[in-house]
PDB file of N, CA and C in Angstrom:
ATOM      1  N   MET A   1     -94.166   9.812 -49.817  1.00  0.00           N
ATOM      2  CA  MET A   1     -93.177   9.965 -49.550  1.00  0.00           C
ATOM      3  C   MET A   1     -93.069  11.618 -49.936  1.00  0.00           C
ATOM      4  N   THR A   2     -92.175  12.372 -48.847  1.00  0.00           N
ATOM      5  CA  THR A   2     -92.355  13.932 -49.207  1.00  0.00           C
ATOM      6  C   THR A   2     -90.694  14.338 -49.102  1.00  0.00           C
ATOM      7  N   LEU A   3     -90.281  15.097 -50.389  1.00  0.00           N
ATOM      8  CA  LEU A   3     -89.077  15.377 -50.522  1.00  0.00           C
ATOM      9  C   LEU A   3     -89.063  16.388 -49.886  1.00  0.00           C
ATOM     10  N   VAL A   4     -87.730  16.668 -49.133  1.00  0.00           N
ATOM     11  CA  VAL A   4     -87.091  18.115 -48.571  1.00  0.00           C
ATOM     12  C   VAL A   4     -85.958  18.742 -49.781  1.00  0.00           C
ATOM     13  N   ASN A   5     -86.327  19.991 -49.842  1.00  0.00           N
ATOM     14  CA  ASN A   5     -85.224  20.793 -50.406  1.00  0.00           C
ATOM     15  C   ASN A   5     -84.320  21.434 -49.330  1.00  0.00           C
ATOM     16  N   VAL A   6     -83.466  21.032 -49.153  1.00  0.00           N
ATOM     17  CA  VAL A   6     -81.998  21.296 -48.523  1.00  0.00           C
ATOM     18  C   VAL A   6     -81.211  22.423 -49.363  1.00  0.00           C
ATOM     19  N   SER A   7     -81.259  22.721 -49.940  1.00  0.00           N
ATOM     20  CA  SER A   7     -80.435  23.587 -51.106  1.00  0.00           C
ATOM     21  C   SER A   7     -80.559  25.164 -50.337  1.00  0.00           C
ATOM     22  N   ASP A   8     -81.819  25.383 -49.819  1.00  0.00           N
ATOM     23  CA  ASP A   8     -81.820  26.465 -49.388  1.00  0.00           C
ATOM     24  C   ASP A   8     -81.096  26.931 -48.161  1.00  0.00           C
ATOM     25  N   ILE A   9     -80.439  25.689 -47.134  1.00  0.00           N
ATOM     26  CA  ILE A   9     -79.390  26.075 -46.176  1.00  0.00           C
ATOM     27  C   ILE A   9     -78.338  26.761 -46.361  1.00  0.00           C
ATOM     28  N   SER A  10     -78.238  27.783 -45.993  1.00  0.00           N
ATOM     29  CA  SER A  10     -76.561  28.249 -46.334  1.00  0.00           C
ATOM     30  C   SER A  10     -75.563  27.729 -45.640  1.00  0.00           C
ATOM     31  N   ALA A  11     -74.329  28.089 -46.216  1.00  0.00           N
ATOM     32  CA  ALA A  11     -72.872  26.933 -45.785  1.00  0.00           C
ATOM     33  C   ALA A  11     -72.834  27.405 -44.448  1.00  0.00           C
ATOM     34  N   GLY A  12     -72.845  28.831 -43.822  1.00  0.00           N
ATOM     35  CA  GLY A  12     -72.822  29.151 -42.620  1.00  0.00           C
ATOM     36  C   GLY A  12     -73.568  28.528 -41.564  1.00  0.00           C
ATOM     37  N   LEU A  13     -74.628  28.547 -41.518  1.00  0.00           N
ATOM     38  CA  LEU A  13     -75.579  27.881 -40.976  1.00  0.00           C
ATOM     39  C   LEU A  13     -75.527  26.053 -40.588  1.00  0.00           C
ATOM     40  N   PHE A  14     -74.997  25.484 -41.531  1.00  0.00           N
ATOM     41  CA  PHE A  14     -74.455  23.826 -42.009  1.00  0.00           C
ATOM     42  C   PHE A  14     -73.423  23.952 -41.077  1.00  0.00           C
ATOM     43  N   ILE A  15     -72.609  24.861 -41.247  1.00  0.00           N
ATOM     44  CA  ILE A  15     -71.111  24.637 -40.731  1.00  0.00           C
ATOM     45  C   ILE A  15     -71.447  25.091 -38.900  1.00  0.00           C
ATOM     46  N   THR A  16     -71.935  26.074 -38.874  1.00  0.00           N
ATOM     47  CA  THR A  16     -72.655  26.307 -37.123  1.00  0.00           C
ATOM     48  C   THR A  16     -73.296  25.281 -36.639  1.00  0.00           C
ATOM     49  N   GLY A  17     -74.042  24.832 -37.093  1.00  0.00           N
ATOM     50  CA  GLY A  17     -75.118  23.273 -36.812  1.00  0.00           C
ATOM     51  C   GLY A  17     -74.351  22.256 -36.636  1.00  0.00           C
ATOM     52  N   ALA A  18     -73.278  21.793 -37.599  1.00  0.00           N
ATOM     53  CA  ALA A  18     -72.273  20.771 -37.184  1.00  0.00           C
ATOM     54  C   ALA A  18     -71.624  20.919 -36.264  1.00  0.00           C
ATOM     55  N   LEU A  19     -70.800  21.895 -36.053  1.00  0.00           N
ATOM     56  CA  LEU A  19     -70.179  22.117 -34.980  1.00  0.00           C
ATOM     57  C   LEU A  19     -70.398  21.985 -33.638  1.00  0.00           C
ATOM     58  N   PHE A  20     -71.807  22.831 -33.721  1.00  0.00           N
ATOM     59  CA  PHE A  20     -72.629  22.409 -32.231  1.00  0.00           C
ATOM     60  C   PHE A  20     -72.928  21.639 -31.817  1.00  0.00           C
ATOM     61  N   ILE A  21     -73.339  20.548 -32.814  1.00  0.00           N
ATOM     62  CA  ILE A  21     -73.692  19.682 -32.670  1.00  0.00           C
ATOM     63  C   ILE A  21     -72.868  18.697 -32.082  1.00  0.00           C
ATOM     64  N   LEU A  22     -71.333  18.524 -32.554  1.00  0.00           N
ATOM     65  CA  LEU A  22     -70.524  17.491 -32.593  1.00  0.00           C
ATOM     66  C   LEU A  22     -69.887  18.180 -31.292  1.00  0.00           C
ATOM     67  N   LEU A  23     -70.097  19.816 -30.577  1.00  0.00           N
ATOM     68  CA  LEU A  23     -69.507  20.389 -29.367  1.00  0.00           C
ATOM     69  C   LEU A  23     -70.378  19.578 -27.990  1.00  0.00           C
ATOM     70  N   PHE A  24     -71.910  19.987 -28.667  1.00  0.00           N
ATOM     71  CA  PHE A  24     -72.933  19.300 -27.925  1.00  0.00           C
ATOM     72  C   PHE A  24     -72.841  18.057 -27.081  1.00  0.00           C
ATOM     73  N   PHE A  25     -72.415  17.192 -28.119  1.00  0.00           N
ATOM     74  CA  PHE A  25     -72.554  15.483 -27.771  1.00  0.00           C
ATOM     75  C   PHE A  25     -71.531  14.969 -27.491  1.00  0.00           C
ATOM     76  N   SER A  26     -70.343  15.740 -27.794  1.00  0.00           N
ATOM     77  CA  SER A  26     -69.480  15.344 -27.246  1.00  0.00           C
ATOM     78  C   SER A  26     -68.923  15.872 -25.863  1.00  0.00           C
ATOM     79  N   LEU A  27     -69.541  16.706 -25.194  1.00  0.00           N
ATOM     80  CA  LEU A  27     -69.590  17.166 -24.054  1.00  0.00           C
ATOM     81  C   LEU A  27     -70.577  16.299 -23.090  1.00  0.00           C
ATOM     82  N   LEU A  28     -71.448  16.300 -23.625  1.00  0.00           N
ATOM     83  CA  LEU A  28     -72.429  15.071 -23.007  1.00  0.00           C
ATOM     84  C   LEU A  28     -71.938  14.143 -22.773  1.00  0.00           C
ATOM     85  N   SER A  29     -71.411  12.808 -23.879  1.00  0.00           N
ATOM     86  CA  SER A  29     -70.733  11.974 -23.837  1.00  0.00           C
ATOM     87  C   SER A  29     -69.785  11.846 -22.529  1.00  0.00           C
ATOM     88  N   PHE A  30     -68.910  12.933 -22.884  1.00  0.00           N
ATOM     89  CA  PHE A  30     -67.603  12.824 -21.710  1.00  0.00           C
ATOM     90  C   PHE A  30     -67.906  13.068 -20.308  1.00  0.00           C
ATOM     91  N   GLY A  31     -69.181  13.405 -20.130  1.00  0.00           N
ATOM     92  CA  GLY A  31     -69.640  13.955 -18.951  1.00  0.00           C
ATOM     93  C   GLY A  31     -70.415  12.481 -18.496  1.00  0.00           C
ATOM     94  N   ILE A  32     -70.807  11.720 -19.375  1.00  0.00           N
ATOM     95  CA  ILE A  32     -71.351  10.586 -19.144  1.00  0.00           C
ATOM     96  C   ILE A  32     -70.208   8.942 -18.675  1.00  0.00           C
ATOM     97  N   LEU A  33     -69.386   9.245 -19.567  1.00  0.00           N
ATOM     98  CA  LEU A  33     -68.257   8.629 -19.102  1.00  0.00           C
ATOM     99  C   LEU A  33     -67.195   9.328 -18.004  1.00  0.00           C
ATOM    100  N   GLN A  34     -67.229  10.344 -17.567  1.00  0.00           N
ATOM    101  CA  GLN A  34     -66.752  10.643 -16.268  1.00  0.00           C
ATOM    102  C   GLN A  34     -67.371  10.155 -15.274  1.00  0.00           C
ATOM    103  N   MET A  35     -68.513  10.203 -15.196  1.00  0.00           N
ATOM    104  CA  MET A  35     -69.724  10.286 -14.252  1.00  0.00           C
ATOM    105  C   MET A  35     -69.280   8.075 -14.040  1.00  0.00           C
ATOM    106  N   PHE A  36     -69.401   7.626 -15.081  1.00  0.00           N
ATOM    107  CA  PHE A  36     -68.945   6.032 -14.853  1.00  0.00           C
ATOM    108  C   PHE A  36     -67.500   5.974 -14.189  1.00  0.00           C
ATOM    109  N   LYS A  37     -66.985   6.861 -14.191  1.00  0.00           N
ATOM    110  CA  LYS A  37     -65.260   6.531 -13.599  1.00  0.00           C
ATOM    111  C   LYS A  37     -65.644   7.213 -12.252  1.00  0.00           C
ATOM    112  N   ARG A  38     -66.214   7.778 -12.058  1.00  0.00           N
ATOM    113  CA  ARG A  38     -66.902   8.199 -10.557  1.00  0.00           C
ATOM    114  C   ARG A  38     -65.921   9.443 -10.240  1.00  0.00           C
ATOM    115  N   LYS A  39     -65.872  10.460 -11.268  1.00  0.00           N
ATOM    116  CA  LYS A  39     -65.022  11.607 -11.302  1.00  0.00           C
ATOM    117  C   LYS A  39     -66.597  12.437 -11.647  1.00  0.00           C
ATOM    118  N   PHE A  40     -67.227  12.700 -10.380  1.00  0.00           N
ATOM    119  CA  PHE A  40     -68.645  13.310 -10.471  1.00  0.00           C
ATOM    120  C   PHE A  40     -68.441  14.847 -10.916  1.00  0.00           C
ATOM    121  N   ARG A  41     -67.470  15.748 -10.244  1.00  0.00           N
ATOM    122  CA  ARG A  41     -67.096  16.797 -10.295  1.00  0.00           C
ATOM    123  C   ARG A  41     -66.700  17.523 -11.708  1.00  0.00           C
ATOM    124  N   SER A  42     -65.804  16.772 -12.683  1.00  0.00           N
ATOM    125  CA  SER A  42     -66.086  16.917 -14.094  1.00  0.00           C
ATOM    126  C   SER A  42     -66.773  16.603 -14.599  1.00  0.00           C
ATOM    127  N   GLY A  43     -67.491  15.503 -14.347  1.00  0.00           N
ATOM    128  CA  GLY A  43     -68.797  14.976 -15.230  1.00  0.00           C
ATOM    129  C   GLY A  43     -69.889  16.286 -15.122  1.00  0.00           C
ATOM    130  N   TRP A  44     -70.129  16.763 -13.713  1.00  0.00           N
ATOM    131  CA  TRP A  44     -70.976  17.992 -14.039  1.00  0.00           C
ATOM    132  C   TRP A  44     -70.582  19.017 -14.760  1.00  0.00           C
ATOM    133  N   PHE A  45     -69.075  19.410 -14.719  1.00  0.00           N
ATOM    134  CA  PHE A  45     -69.037  20.309 -15.892  1.00  0.00           C
ATOM    135  C   PHE A  45     -69.052  20.482 -16.873  1.00  0.00           C
ATOM    136  N   SER A  46     -68.642  19.004 -17.407  1.00  0.00           N
ATOM    137  CA  SER A  46     -69.163  18.289 -18.901  1.00  0.00           C
ATOM    138  C   SER A  46     -70.318  18.839 -19.088  1.00  0.00           C
ATOM    139  N   PHE A  47     -71.382  18.275 -18.196  1.00  0.00           N
ATOM    140  CA  PHE A  47     -73.095  18.385 -18.618  1.00  0.00           C
ATOM    141  C   PHE A  47     -73.454  19.966 -18.685  1.00  0.00           C
ATOM    142  N   ALA A  48     -72.297  20.852 -17.746  1.00  0.00           N
ATOM    143  CA  ALA A  48     -73.208  21.942 -17.699  1.00  0.00           C
ATOM    144  C   ALA A  48     -72.441  22.988 -19.107  1.00  0.00           C
ATOM    145  N   GLY A  49     -71.199  22.621 -19.305  1.00  0.00           N
ATOM    146  CA  GLY A  49     -70.678  22.524 -20.533  1.00  0.00           C
ATOM    147  C   GLY A  49     -71.721  22.595 -22.050  1.00  0.00           C
ATOM    148  N   ALA A  50     -72.330  21.294 -21.906  1.00  0.00           N
ATOM    149  CA  ALA A  50     -73.286  21.102 -22.414  1.00  0.00           C
ATOM    150  C   ALA A  50     -74.062  22.059 -22.846  1.00  0.00           C
ATOM    151  N   ILE A  51     -74.996  22.309 -21.727  1.00  0.00           N
ATOM    152  CA  ILE A  51     -76.206  22.992 -21.460  1.00  0.00           C
ATOM    153  C   ILE A  51     -75.755  24.749 -22.111  1.00  0.00           C
ATOM    154  N   VAL A  52     -74.546  25.020 -21.333  1.00  0.00           N
ATOM    155  CA  VAL A  52     -74.041  26.407 -21.949  1.00  0.00           C
ATOM    156  C   VAL A  52     -73.939  26.769 -23.754  1.00  0.00           C
ATOM    157  N   SER A  53     -73.255  25.248 -24.090  1.00  0.00           N
ATOM    158  CA  SER A  53     -72.928  25.254 -25.831  1.00  0.00           C
ATOM    159  C   SER A  53     -74.605  24.969 -26.269  1.00  0.00           C
ATOM    160  N   GLY A  54     -75.355  24.598 -25.383  1.00  0.00           N
ATOM    161  CA  GLY A  54     -76.846  24.800 -25.924  1.00  0.00           C
ATOM    162  C   GLY A  54     -77.514  25.649 -26.464  1.00  0.00           C
ATOM    163  N   VAL A  55     -77.555  26.438 -24.887  1.00  0.00           N
ATOM    164  CA  VAL A  55     -78.032  27.858 -25.038  1.00  0.00           C
ATOM    165  C   VAL A  55     -77.368  28.820 -26.086  1.00  0.00           C
ATOM    166  N   THR A  56     -75.744  28.906 -26.063  1.00  0.00           N
ATOM    167  CA  THR A  56     -75.160  29.771 -26.969  1.00  0.00           C
ATOM    168  C   THR A  56     -75.541  29.260 -28.320  1.00  0.00           C
ATOM    169  N   PHE A  57     -75.850  28.125 -28.639  1.00  0.00           N
ATOM    170  CA  PHE A  57     -76.237  27.795 -30.004  1.00  0.00           C
ATOM    171  C   PHE A  57     -77.512  28.231 -30.404  1.00  0.00           C
ATOM    172  N   GLY A  58     -78.622  28.374 -29.433  1.00  0.00           N
ATOM    173  CA  GLY A  58     -79.754  28.826 -29.572  1.00  0.00           C
ATOM    174  C   GLY A  58     -79.619  30.425 -29.620  1.00  0.00           C
ATOM    175  N   ILE A  59     -79.028  31.028 -29.030  1.00  0.00           N
ATOM    176  CA  ILE A  59     -79.080  32.092 -29.242  1.00  0.00           C
ATOM    177  C   ILE A  59     -78.271  32.927 -30.404  1.00  0.00           C
ATOM    178  N   ILE A  60     -77.126  32.117 -31.024  1.00  0.00           N
ATOM    179  CA  ILE A  60     -76.404  32.360 -32.003  1.00  0.00           C
ATOM    180  C   ILE A  60     -77.309  32.250 -33.397  1.00  0.00           C
ATOM    181  N   LEU A  61     -78.411  30.932 -33.573  1.00  0.00           N
ATOM    182  CA  LEU A  61     -78.954  30.873 -34.314  1.00  0.00           C
ATOM    183  C   LEU A  61     -80.453  31.975 -34.434  1.00  0.00           C
ATOM    184  N   ASP A  62     -80.712  32.290 -33.314  1.00  0.00           N
ATOM    185  CA  ASP A  62     -81.858  33.590 -33.233  1.00  0.00           C
ATOM    186  C   ASP A  62     -81.049  34.986 -33.779  1.00  0.00           C
ATOM    187  N   GLN A  63     -79.911  35.170 -33.315  1.00  0.00           N
ATOM    188  CA  GLN A  63     -79.573  36.349 -33.592  1.00  0.00           C
ATOM    189  C   GLN A  63     -78.935  36.563 -35.171  1.00  0.00           C
ATOM    190  N   TRP A  64     -78.617  35.387 -35.769  1.00  0.00           N
ATOM    191  CA  TRP A  64     -77.504  35.037 -37.160  1.00  0.00           C
ATOM    192  C   TRP A  64     -78.615  35.057 -38.169  1.00  0.00           C
ATOM    193  N   PHE A  65     -79.298  33.938 -37.923  1.00  0.00           N
ATOM    194  CA  PHE A  65     -80.051  32.921 -38.834  1.00  0.00           C
ATOM    195  C   PHE A  65     -81.449  32.929 -39.096  1.00  0.00           C
ATOM    196  N   VAL A  66     -82.184  33.543 -38.140  1.00  0.00           N
ATOM    197  CA  VAL A  66     -83.412  33.906 -37.911  1.00  0.00           C
ATOM    198  C   VAL A  66     -83.641  35.547 -38.164  1.00  0.00           C
TER     199      VAL A  66
END
C-alpha cells in the first residue's frame, strides 16, 4: 500500500480545486435535471457552463499553480 503525502498541497490550491469541483458538478447535474424536465435550452446552457468552468479551472491551474 502506497501512502500519499498531501501536506505539500497549498491551501489556495485545495480551495480552488474544491470550489471548481463543486461548480462543475453542480452545473452538470443541474443540466441533466433540466433535460429530464424537458427544458432543453437551460439544460444546454448548464452543460456549456460546466465546460466553461472546467476550461477556466485548467487555465487557472496552469497560470497560478504550475
